[in-house]
Amino acid sequence: MSDETQALLTDGSGSVSESARPAYKVPAADKALDILEFMADRPDGVTQTEISAGVGRSIHEIYRIIQLLEKRGYLVRAAKSDRYRLSLKLFELAHKHPPVNRLIDVALPVMRRLAADSDQSCHLVVLRDLQVLIVLQVDSPLPMRYSVALGSQFPILETSSGAVLLANLPVLERAALIERLRGSEEFAGGEIAARLESIDTIGFEMRPSLAVDGCINISLPIRDHIGTTVAALTVPYLPQKHARFDRQAVLKSAQAAALEISRGLGAAEDVLSGSASSRR
C-alpha cells in the first residue's frame, strides 16, 4: 500500500478510520436479526409465510434460520401449530447483563418495601432506543391494583418514565433523540420542552397518565455511581377506598425509595441533590 493510500485510510493518528473500514456482510446474521426484530411485537405468533413477507425474504432464504433459532431456544412453536413466537430467552440474556442485573438486585428489596408502605404498585424502567422497557415490576398488596407487564415496552412520550429519562439525558443526546421523535403521535414540541423543564426543576414528574384514566404517574430518576440516570422508578398511583396513603404521601415514599436505590448503585450525595441540568 502506498503512503498516499495509507494516509487516506487513516484518521491522522495512524489508525484506520471507521469510514474506511470494509463493510463486511454476514447474510445469515442479518436474516436472524431481521426475524427476531420482526417478531418482537407479535406476541400471538406468526407463520413462516408471514415471517417471509414481513422481512422481505423468500421462505427458502429463511427456512434454515428459523430452524436454528427454534433449536437454540429463541423461537418456540406450540405442538401441532405452524405459528412461531419469541421465547423469553432474549429477555433472560438481558437480565444476565451485569448492569441490568446489578440494578435489579439493588432495586428489588427497596421496591417491595415501597409497595408495602404505599399500597401502590411500582415498576422500574430503562430507555431502549425510542421506547421504554419495564425491567422490574412489584405489585401493590391490595386486592385491586394497577401494574404493567414485565418486559413490556411503551413509546417514550406516552409515559412519565420516558419523560424523566429523556429529561436527564446529556443535552446533545437528548436533542438528537427528540429530533428522532418528531412525527410520532405523542410529539408536541412546545409541550415537550415545558414538560422536560418542569422535570429538571422539581426532579420528578407527577401527572395524570396519558394511557390510563384515573391513574396518576409518579416517576423519579435512578442514578449510578457516575451520576448517569440509568432508570426511572414509577408509581402508577391509583386512588381507591382501601388505600391508606394519599398522593403526596406516596410521592414522599417514592422519592425516598429512588434515593435509596441510587445510593445502592453508588450515587454520591452531591449528585443526588443537584438538578438534571447541573449534572449535564
Protein backbone atom coordinates (compact mmCIF):
# COMPACT_ATOMS: atom_id res chain seq x y z
CA MET A 1 0.00 0.00 0.00
CA SER A 2 1.39 3.44 -0.92
CA ASP A 3 1.96 6.15 1.70
CA GLU A 4 -0.73 8.26 0.00
CA THR A 5 -3.28 5.46 0.14
CA GLN A 6 -2.41 4.73 3.77
CA ALA A 7 -2.92 8.39 4.66
CA LEU A 8 -6.36 8.39 3.08
CA LEU A 9 -7.38 5.36 5.11
CA THR A 10 -6.25 6.71 8.47
CA ASP A 11 -7.69 9.39 10.72
CA GLY A 12 -4.36 11.13 11.19
CA SER A 13 -3.46 9.21 14.32
CA GLY A 14 -2.29 6.15 12.43
CA SER A 15 -5.45 4.10 13.00
CA VAL A 16 -7.80 3.11 10.24
CA SER A 17 -10.84 5.39 10.14
CA GLU A 18 -14.33 3.91 10.58
CA SER A 19 -15.48 5.18 7.18
CA ALA A 20 -12.55 3.40 5.50
CA ARG A 21 -13.18 0.03 7.12
CA PRO A 22 -14.62 -2.59 4.75
CA ALA A 23 -18.34 -3.20 5.23
CA TYR A 24 -18.32 -6.93 5.83
CA LYS A 25 -21.60 -8.68 5.09
CA VAL A 26 -22.92 -11.51 7.26
CA PRO A 27 -26.09 -12.66 5.47
CA ALA A 28 -27.05 -15.36 7.97
CA ALA A 29 -26.73 -12.97 10.92
CA ASP A 30 -28.72 -10.32 9.03
CA LYS A 31 -31.52 -12.79 8.41
CA ALA A 32 -31.61 -13.96 12.02
CA LEU A 33 -31.73 -10.40 13.38
CA ASP A 34 -34.39 -9.41 10.84
CA ILE A 35 -36.56 -12.30 12.02
CA LEU A 36 -36.10 -11.57 15.73
CA GLU A 37 -36.84 -7.86 15.29
CA PHE A 38 -39.89 -8.57 13.11
CA MET A 39 -41.33 -10.95 15.71
CA ALA A 40 -40.68 -8.71 18.73
CA ASP A 41 -44.14 -7.08 18.66
CA ARG A 42 -46.12 -10.12 17.51
CA PRO A 43 -46.97 -12.00 20.72
CA ASP A 44 -49.63 -14.15 19.04
CA GLY A 45 -47.08 -15.74 16.77
CA VAL A 46 -46.58 -15.83 13.00
CA THR A 47 -46.22 -18.48 10.32
CA GLN A 48 -43.17 -18.97 8.12
CA THR A 49 -45.09 -17.35 5.27
CA GLU A 50 -45.84 -14.29 7.40
CA ILE A 51 -42.21 -14.08 8.52
CA SER A 52 -41.10 -14.31 4.90
CA ALA A 53 -43.39 -11.43 3.89
CA GLY A 54 -42.50 -9.40 6.97
CA VAL A 55 -38.74 -9.49 6.45
CA GLY A 56 -38.91 -9.34 2.66
CA ARG A 57 -37.12 -12.63 2.06
CA SER A 58 -38.19 -15.89 0.45
CA ILE A 59 -39.09 -18.89 2.58
CA HIS A 60 -36.12 -20.69 1.02
CA GLU A 61 -33.80 -17.95 2.41
CA ILE A 62 -35.15 -18.04 5.96
CA TYR A 63 -36.15 -21.67 6.47
CA ARG A 64 -32.86 -22.86 7.96
CA ILE A 65 -32.50 -19.70 10.06
CA ILE A 66 -35.93 -20.28 11.62
CA GLN A 67 -34.99 -23.89 12.36
CA LEU A 68 -31.76 -22.78 14.02
CA LEU A 69 -33.49 -20.10 16.12
CA GLU A 70 -36.02 -22.67 17.25
CA LYS A 71 -33.28 -25.19 18.10
CA ARG A 72 -31.38 -22.56 20.13
CA GLY A 73 -34.49 -21.60 22.06
CA TYR A 74 -35.12 -18.12 20.65
CA LEU A 75 -38.31 -19.20 18.88
CA VAL A 76 -40.97 -21.56 20.17
CA ARG A 77 -43.82 -23.31 18.41
CA ALA A 78 -46.84 -24.84 20.10
CA ALA A 79 -47.49 -28.53 19.48
CA LYS A 80 -49.40 -29.15 16.24
CA SER A 81 -49.10 -25.49 15.28
CA ASP A 82 -47.37 -23.73 12.41
CA ARG A 83 -47.07 -20.43 14.29
CA TYR A 84 -43.78 -19.30 15.81
CA ARG A 85 -43.33 -16.76 18.58
CA LEU A 86 -40.38 -15.37 20.51
CA SER A 87 -39.37 -17.15 23.69
CA LEU A 88 -38.14 -15.30 26.78
CA LYS A 89 -34.53 -16.17 26.02
CA LEU A 90 -33.57 -12.68 24.86
CA PHE A 91 -35.16 -11.22 27.99
CA GLU A 92 -33.27 -13.72 30.14
CA LEU A 93 -29.99 -12.87 28.43
CA ALA A 94 -30.58 -9.16 29.01
CA HIS A 95 -31.08 -9.80 32.71
CA LYS A 96 -27.77 -11.63 32.89
CA HIS A 97 -26.03 -8.48 31.64
CA PRO A 98 -24.18 -7.14 34.72
CA PRO A 99 -25.52 -3.52 34.73
CA VAL A 100 -29.15 -4.64 34.49
CA ASN A 101 -28.58 -7.46 36.97
CA ARG A 102 -26.99 -5.06 39.46
CA LEU A 103 -29.81 -2.56 39.04
CA ILE A 104 -32.47 -5.19 39.74
CA ASP A 105 -30.60 -6.64 42.71
CA VAL A 106 -30.41 -3.22 44.36
CA ALA A 107 -33.92 -2.08 43.44
CA LEU A 108 -36.00 -5.17 44.21
CA PRO A 109 -35.97 -5.06 48.06
CA VAL A 110 -36.47 -1.29 48.05
CA MET A 111 -39.42 -1.53 45.66
CA ARG A 112 -41.00 -4.30 47.71
CA ARG A 113 -40.92 -2.02 50.75
CA LEU A 114 -42.26 0.87 48.69
CA ALA A 115 -45.24 -1.19 47.51
CA ALA A 116 -45.98 -2.36 51.06
CA ASP A 117 -45.61 1.14 52.54
CA SER A 118 -47.63 2.94 49.87
CA ASP A 119 -50.35 0.41 48.93
CA GLN A 120 -49.35 1.02 45.30
CA SER A 121 -47.64 -0.98 42.58
CA CYS A 122 -44.33 0.28 41.22
CA HIS A 123 -42.06 -0.52 38.31
CA LEU A 124 -38.54 0.16 37.09
CA VAL A 125 -37.94 1.35 33.54
CA VAL A 126 -34.91 1.75 31.28
CA LEU A 127 -34.55 3.53 27.96
CA ARG A 128 -34.47 1.35 24.87
CA ASP A 129 -34.00 3.45 21.74
CA LEU A 130 -37.35 5.24 21.15
CA GLN A 131 -39.19 3.23 23.78
CA VAL A 132 -39.00 2.39 27.46
CA LEU A 133 -38.67 -1.17 28.73
CA ILE A 134 -40.12 -2.49 32.01
CA VAL A 135 -37.34 -4.44 33.74
CA LEU A 136 -38.88 -4.84 37.19
CA GLN A 137 -42.46 -4.80 38.50
CA VAL A 138 -43.73 -5.09 42.08
CA ASP A 139 -47.47 -5.32 42.73
CA SER A 140 -49.49 -3.46 45.35
CA PRO A 141 -50.54 -5.59 48.34
CA LEU A 142 -54.16 -4.52 47.84
CA PRO A 143 -56.61 -6.84 46.01
CA MET A 144 -57.25 -4.16 43.39
CA ARG A 145 -54.15 -2.85 41.71
CA TYR A 146 -52.69 -1.39 38.53
CA SER A 147 -49.48 -2.86 37.20
CA VAL A 148 -47.61 -3.28 33.94
CA ALA A 149 -46.27 -6.49 32.43
CA LEU A 150 -42.60 -7.23 32.95
CA GLY A 151 -40.75 -6.89 29.66
CA SER A 152 -43.37 -4.69 28.01
CA GLN A 153 -42.37 -1.60 26.03
CA PHE A 154 -44.03 1.77 25.53
CA PRO A 155 -43.33 4.91 23.48
CA ILE A 156 -41.12 7.33 25.40
CA LEU A 157 -43.52 10.28 25.31
CA GLU A 158 -46.53 8.20 26.34
CA THR A 159 -45.02 7.58 29.77
CA SER A 160 -43.78 9.60 32.70
CA SER A 161 -40.85 7.20 32.94
CA GLY A 162 -39.84 8.11 29.41
CA ALA A 163 -40.14 11.84 30.07
CA VAL A 164 -37.97 11.55 33.19
CA LEU A 165 -35.33 9.53 31.34
CA LEU A 166 -35.41 11.98 28.43
CA ALA A 167 -35.09 15.00 30.73
CA ASN A 168 -31.98 13.54 32.33
CA LEU A 169 -30.08 12.70 29.15
CA PRO A 170 -26.99 14.76 28.24
CA VAL A 171 -28.01 17.82 26.21
CA LEU A 172 -26.78 16.66 22.79
CA GLU A 173 -28.06 13.13 23.23
CA ARG A 174 -31.45 14.42 24.34
CA ALA A 175 -31.70 16.82 21.37
CA ALA A 176 -30.85 14.01 18.95
CA LEU A 177 -33.47 11.73 20.48
CA ILE A 178 -36.14 14.45 20.42
CA GLU A 179 -35.38 15.05 16.75
CA ARG A 180 -35.95 11.34 16.07
CA LEU A 181 -39.26 11.52 17.94
CA ARG A 182 -40.65 14.20 15.63
CA GLY A 183 -43.64 12.89 13.72
CA SER A 184 -44.75 10.47 16.42
CA GLU A 185 -48.34 10.75 17.63
CA GLU A 186 -47.22 11.93 21.07
CA PHE A 187 -44.85 14.62 19.77
CA ALA A 188 -45.68 18.26 20.53
CA GLY A 189 -42.58 20.44 20.57
CA GLY A 190 -43.64 23.22 22.94
CA GLU A 191 -45.35 20.87 25.36
CA ILE A 192 -42.32 18.57 25.48
CA ALA A 193 -39.96 21.45 26.23
CA ALA A 194 -42.16 22.66 29.10
CA ARG A 195 -42.57 19.13 30.41
CA LEU A 196 -38.83 18.43 30.45
CA GLU A 197 -38.08 21.81 32.02
CA SER A 198 -40.54 21.05 34.83
CA ILE A 199 -38.90 17.69 35.49
CA ASP A 200 -35.48 19.36 35.53
CA THR A 201 -36.73 21.93 38.04
CA ILE A 202 -38.55 19.72 40.54
CA GLY A 203 -36.69 16.45 39.94
CA PHE A 204 -39.67 14.21 39.12
CA GLU A 205 -42.92 14.03 37.19
CA MET A 206 -46.37 13.62 38.72
CA ARG A 207 -49.21 13.86 36.25
CA PRO A 208 -52.30 12.01 35.01
CA SER A 209 -51.42 9.01 32.91
CA LEU A 210 -51.71 9.51 29.16
CA ALA A 211 -52.74 5.88 28.78
CA VAL A 212 -54.99 5.06 31.77
CA ASP A 213 -57.77 7.34 33.01
CA GLY A 214 -57.80 7.90 36.77
CA CYS A 215 -54.15 6.90 37.24
CA ILE A 216 -51.54 9.43 38.37
CA ASN A 217 -47.96 8.63 37.37
CA ILE A 218 -45.24 9.46 39.88
CA SER A 219 -41.83 8.99 38.26
CA LEU A 220 -38.31 9.69 39.51
CA PRO A 221 -34.78 9.18 38.15
CA ILE A 222 -32.39 6.48 39.37
CA ARG A 223 -28.69 7.38 39.14
CA ASP A 224 -25.50 5.36 39.29
CA HIS A 225 -22.03 5.93 40.72
CA ILE A 226 -21.03 8.41 38.00
CA GLY A 227 -24.28 10.37 38.16
CA THR A 228 -25.80 8.91 34.99
CA THR A 229 -29.55 8.38 35.06
CA VAL A 230 -29.84 4.67 34.36
CA ALA A 231 -33.53 4.06 35.07
CA ALA A 232 -36.77 5.60 36.24
CA LEU A 233 -38.81 4.43 39.23
CA THR A 234 -42.52 4.89 38.61
CA VAL A 235 -45.56 4.50 40.84
CA PRO A 236 -48.85 4.45 38.91
CA TYR A 237 -50.88 5.93 41.75
CA LEU A 238 -54.42 4.53 41.79
CA PRO A 239 -56.71 6.19 44.35
CA GLN A 240 -59.09 3.72 45.95
CA LYS A 241 -61.15 3.30 49.08
CA HIS A 242 -58.85 0.91 50.92
CA ALA A 243 -55.55 2.68 50.16
CA ARG A 244 -54.09 4.16 53.34
CA PHE A 245 -51.98 6.90 51.78
CA ASP A 246 -52.76 9.94 49.67
CA ARG A 247 -50.81 11.03 46.61
CA GLN A 248 -48.41 13.33 48.47
CA ALA A 249 -47.53 10.64 50.99
CA VAL A 250 -46.86 8.19 48.15
CA LEU A 251 -44.69 10.79 46.40
CA LYS A 252 -42.52 11.13 49.54
CA SER A 253 -42.18 7.36 49.82
CA ALA A 254 -41.25 7.09 46.14
CA GLN A 255 -38.67 9.87 46.47
CA ALA A 256 -37.08 8.10 49.42
CA ALA A 257 -37.04 4.82 47.50
CA ALA A 258 -35.43 6.41 44.43
CA LEU A 259 -32.70 7.92 46.61
CA GLU A 260 -32.09 4.59 48.35
CA ILE A 261 -31.75 2.74 45.04
CA SER A 262 -29.42 5.42 43.67
CA ARG A 263 -27.26 5.26 46.79
CA GLY A 264 -27.18 1.49 46.42
CA LEU A 265 -25.76 1.99 42.92
CA GLY A 266 -23.07 4.29 44.34
CA ALA A 267 -24.52 7.71 43.51
CA ALA A 268 -22.85 10.49 45.52
CA GLU A 269 -24.90 12.84 47.68
CA ASP A 270 -23.92 15.93 45.68
CA VAL A 271 -25.20 14.22 42.52
CA LEU A 272 -28.48 13.30 44.19
CA SER A 273 -29.07 16.84 45.45
CA GLY A 274 -28.35 18.64 42.15
CA SER A 275 -30.69 19.36 39.26
CA ALA A 276 -30.53 17.47 35.98
CA SER A 277 -29.05 20.49 34.19
CA SER A 278 -26.28 20.83 36.76
CA ARG A 279 -25.30 17.19 36.21
CA ARG A 280 -25.05 17.76 32.49
